[in-house]
Amino acid sequence: MHKVGVLALQGASKRHAEALAALGACPVEVRTPEDLADIEGIILPGGESTTMSKLLDLAGLFEPLADRLREGMPAFGTCAGMILLSARILDGRADQRCFGVLDVDVRRNAFGRQVDSFEAEVAVDRLPGGGFPAVFIRAPVIERVGEEVEVLSSVDGLPVLCRQGPVLAAAFHPELSDDLRLHQLFLED
C-alpha cells in the first residue's frame, strides 16, 4: 500500500501519519467521505470510541467507510480504532456504532482507568525482531474471538493484537513507540 488514510476526526492521528511517512507511504487525513476516494487502506487511531462514533456520523463518514471496509479495504485499528472495527461492543452506549469487520467482542477501558495505563513488551506472532513495546492507555479487552480471527499477541491470556483478513487491530498504541514494525506489517499484508 502506498496511499493510506488516517482517520483524523479525534484521537492520535498525527503519530500514525508520521509512522506511515517514515515507512515511505503517503498518509492522507480522512475527515470527509471525499477523503476516502483514493486511499488503499486506513488507520483508525486511538481516542474515545463513543466520540469517534458520533463524529463519524456527523461527518457523514460512517456509511461510506463501512462500505469500503465491507469491500475489503485494509484497516488497522488501535485502541478505540479496534473498538470501532469490532463486531460488538459489550459496554458501549446504546447509540454507539461499530463496523463489524473484525469478529471480536470488546469491552472498553477494561484494562482500567487512565491511572492504570501501562507499558509491556509483548511477543507478536509474525513479527521478527523480538518483543514489541506496547503502550496500553484505557485499553479495551477482547472477550470473544471468532473462528476466522488470528490472535497475534496476548497479555495475561487476553488477546491484544488480532488479524482477520485485511483487518489488523491492537488494544494498545503502537504509534507511541519508535518501533514501526506493526505499521510495516499493515502496509505489507
Protein backbone atom coordinates (compact mmCIF):
# COMPACT_ATOMS: atom_id res chain seq x y z
CA MET A 1 0.00 0.00 0.00
CA HIS A 2 1.16 3.48 -0.73
CA LYS A 3 -1.70 5.94 -0.15
CA VAL A 4 -3.09 5.24 3.33
CA GLY A 5 -5.80 7.18 5.11
CA VAL A 6 -5.64 8.07 8.78
CA LEU A 7 -9.00 8.87 10.37
CA ALA A 8 -8.43 12.40 11.69
CA LEU A 9 -11.68 13.30 13.46
CA GLN A 10 -10.42 12.81 17.01
CA GLY A 11 -7.59 10.90 18.59
CA ALA A 12 -3.94 10.20 17.90
CA SER A 13 -3.84 10.53 14.10
CA LYS A 14 -0.62 12.59 13.75
CA ARG A 15 1.73 9.92 15.13
CA HIS A 16 0.23 7.30 12.79
CA ALA A 17 0.73 9.63 9.81
CA GLU A 18 4.36 10.18 10.85
CA ALA A 19 4.94 6.40 11.09
CA LEU A 20 3.44 5.86 7.64
CA ALA A 21 5.56 8.64 6.12
CA ALA A 22 8.72 7.22 7.77
CA LEU A 23 7.97 3.91 6.02
CA GLY A 24 7.59 5.58 2.61
CA ALA A 25 3.78 5.57 2.45
CA CYS A 26 1.69 8.64 1.68
CA PRO A 27 -0.62 9.38 4.64
CA VAL A 28 -3.94 11.12 3.92
CA GLU A 29 -6.01 12.73 6.69
CA VAL A 30 -9.56 11.42 6.43
CA ARG A 31 -12.23 13.86 7.61
CA THR A 32 -14.86 13.71 4.85
CA PRO A 33 -16.31 11.00 2.58
CA GLU A 34 -14.36 12.53 -0.32
CA ASP A 35 -11.09 11.77 1.51
CA LEU A 36 -11.81 8.04 1.11
CA ALA A 37 -11.73 8.21 -2.69
CA ASP A 38 -8.11 7.36 -3.46
CA ILE A 39 -6.85 5.60 -0.35
CA GLU A 40 -5.78 1.95 -0.41
CA GLY A 41 -6.14 1.34 3.35
CA ILE A 42 -6.98 3.20 6.54
CA ILE A 43 -5.80 3.52 10.13
CA LEU A 44 -8.40 4.13 12.82
CA PRO A 45 -6.43 5.59 15.73
CA GLY A 46 -6.94 5.59 19.45
CA GLY A 47 -9.12 8.24 21.06
CA GLU A 48 -12.54 8.00 22.66
CA SER A 49 -14.65 5.43 20.84
CA THR A 50 -18.08 6.90 21.60
CA THR A 51 -16.93 10.35 20.46
CA MET A 52 -15.38 8.88 17.33
CA SER A 53 -18.58 7.01 16.53
CA LYS A 54 -20.61 10.23 16.84
CA LEU A 55 -18.11 12.24 14.78
CA LEU A 56 -18.15 9.61 12.02
CA ASP A 57 -21.93 10.07 11.79
CA LEU A 58 -21.74 13.89 11.95
CA ALA A 59 -19.12 13.99 9.18
CA GLY A 60 -21.21 11.67 7.00
CA LEU A 61 -18.30 9.23 7.06
CA PHE A 62 -19.74 6.20 8.82
CA GLU A 63 -21.63 4.61 5.91
CA PRO A 64 -19.05 5.38 3.17
CA LEU A 65 -16.26 3.99 5.37
CA ALA A 66 -18.39 0.97 6.31
CA ASP A 67 -18.92 0.29 2.59
CA ARG A 68 -15.18 0.46 1.84
CA LEU A 69 -14.40 -1.84 4.79
CA ARG A 70 -17.05 -4.37 3.71
CA GLU A 71 -15.50 -4.30 0.21
CA GLY A 72 -12.21 -5.43 1.76
CA MET A 73 -10.22 -2.23 2.20
CA PRO A 74 -7.35 -2.97 4.63
CA ALA A 75 -7.72 -1.34 8.06
CA PHE A 76 -5.56 -1.05 11.16
CA GLY A 77 -7.40 -0.08 14.32
CA THR A 78 -5.59 0.84 17.53
CA CYS A 79 -7.32 1.06 20.91
CA ALA A 80 -10.55 2.97 20.10
CA GLY A 81 -9.98 2.06 16.45
CA MET A 82 -10.08 -1.61 17.40
CA ILE A 83 -13.39 -0.99 19.19
CA LEU A 84 -14.81 0.64 16.05
CA LEU A 85 -13.75 -2.31 13.87
CA SER A 86 -15.21 -4.94 16.23
CA ALA A 87 -18.38 -6.98 15.78
CA ARG A 88 -19.78 -6.00 19.19
CA ILE A 89 -19.06 -3.51 21.96
CA LEU A 90 -20.13 -5.14 25.21
CA ASP A 91 -20.33 -1.97 27.29
CA GLY A 92 -20.86 0.75 24.72
CA ARG A 93 -23.53 3.39 24.69
CA ALA A 94 -26.85 2.42 23.12
CA ASP A 95 -26.20 4.77 20.18
CA GLN A 96 -22.58 3.71 19.67
CA ARG A 97 -21.89 2.01 16.35
CA CYS A 98 -19.12 -0.25 15.13
CA PHE A 99 -18.17 -1.52 11.68
CA GLY A 100 -18.34 -5.25 12.42
CA VAL A 101 -15.41 -6.23 10.17
CA LEU A 102 -13.41 -7.93 12.95
CA ASP A 103 -15.25 -10.86 14.54
CA VAL A 104 -14.47 -10.00 18.17
CA ASP A 105 -16.44 -8.69 21.13
CA VAL A 106 -14.69 -5.95 23.09
CA ARG A 107 -15.08 -4.25 26.44
CA ARG A 108 -13.98 -0.61 26.57
CA ASN A 109 -11.39 0.59 29.14
CA ALA A 110 -11.24 -2.94 30.54
CA PHE A 111 -7.54 -2.76 31.48
CA GLY A 112 -8.51 0.12 33.79
CA ARG A 113 -8.74 3.88 34.01
CA GLN A 114 -6.11 6.38 32.85
CA VAL A 115 -4.10 5.89 36.06
CA ASP A 116 -3.95 2.15 35.30
CA SER A 117 -2.20 2.71 31.95
CA PHE A 118 0.93 0.64 31.46
CA GLU A 119 3.63 -0.41 29.03
CA ALA A 120 4.60 -4.00 28.31
CA GLU A 121 6.84 -5.76 25.87
CA VAL A 122 4.59 -8.21 24.04
CA ALA A 123 5.53 -11.14 21.86
CA VAL A 124 3.92 -10.84 18.43
CA ASP A 125 3.47 -13.79 16.07
CA ARG A 126 4.62 -13.00 12.50
CA LEU A 127 6.78 -10.08 13.67
CA PRO A 128 10.56 -10.59 13.51
CA GLY A 129 12.98 -8.95 15.89
CA GLY A 130 11.73 -9.77 19.38
CA GLY A 131 9.06 -8.22 21.60
CA PHE A 132 7.06 -5.14 20.71
CA PRO A 133 6.86 -2.15 23.12
CA ALA A 134 3.10 -1.84 23.67
CA VAL A 135 1.55 1.19 25.38
CA PHE A 136 -1.86 0.49 26.97
CA ILE A 137 -3.95 3.60 27.78
CA ARG A 138 -7.50 2.90 28.99
CA ALA A 139 -7.22 -0.11 26.72
CA PRO A 140 -10.08 -2.33 25.60
CA VAL A 141 -10.13 -6.07 26.17
CA ILE A 142 -11.20 -8.65 23.61
CA GLU A 143 -13.59 -11.03 25.36
CA ARG A 144 -14.61 -13.20 22.40
CA VAL A 145 -12.64 -14.13 19.29
CA GLY A 146 -14.36 -15.53 16.21
CA GLU A 147 -13.09 -18.61 14.39
CA GLU A 148 -11.56 -16.64 11.49
CA VAL A 149 -9.64 -14.24 13.75
CA GLU A 150 -5.93 -14.87 14.22
CA VAL A 151 -4.63 -13.81 17.65
CA LEU A 152 -1.11 -12.41 17.14
CA SER A 153 -0.41 -11.37 20.73
CA SER A 154 -1.89 -11.71 24.22
CA VAL A 155 -1.30 -10.20 27.65
CA ASP A 156 -2.31 -12.22 30.71
CA GLY A 157 -4.20 -14.60 28.44
CA LEU A 158 -6.22 -11.79 26.82
CA PRO A 159 -5.86 -11.12 23.07
CA VAL A 160 -4.37 -7.66 22.42
CA LEU A 161 -3.43 -7.92 18.74
CA CYS A 162 -5.61 -9.68 16.16
CA ARG A 163 -5.96 -10.02 12.42
CA GLN A 164 -8.87 -11.11 10.27
CA GLY A 165 -8.18 -10.92 6.55
CA PRO A 166 -7.24 -7.32 5.70
CA VAL A 167 -8.09 -6.05 9.21
CA LEU A 168 -5.41 -5.66 11.89
CA ALA A 169 -6.36 -4.44 15.37
CA ALA A 170 -4.40 -3.65 18.53
CA ALA A 171 -5.71 -2.88 22.02
CA PHE A 172 -2.58 -0.77 22.52
CA HIS A 173 -0.94 2.26 20.87
CA PRO A 174 1.93 1.20 18.57
CA GLU A 175 2.28 4.79 17.34
CA LEU A 176 3.54 5.86 20.78
CA SER A 177 6.70 3.78 20.41
CA ASP A 178 9.53 4.30 17.97
CA ASP A 179 9.02 0.76 16.68
CA LEU A 180 7.49 0.83 13.20
CA ARG A 181 7.15 -2.94 12.71
CA LEU A 182 3.37 -3.12 13.18
CA HIS A 183 2.79 -0.26 10.75
CA GLN A 184 5.14 -2.07 8.35
CA LEU A 185 3.18 -5.31 8.83
CA PHE A 186 -0.03 -3.45 8.00
CA LEU A 187 1.48 -1.92 4.85
CA GLU A 188 2.90 -5.24 3.61
CA ASP A 189 -0.10 -7.53 4.17
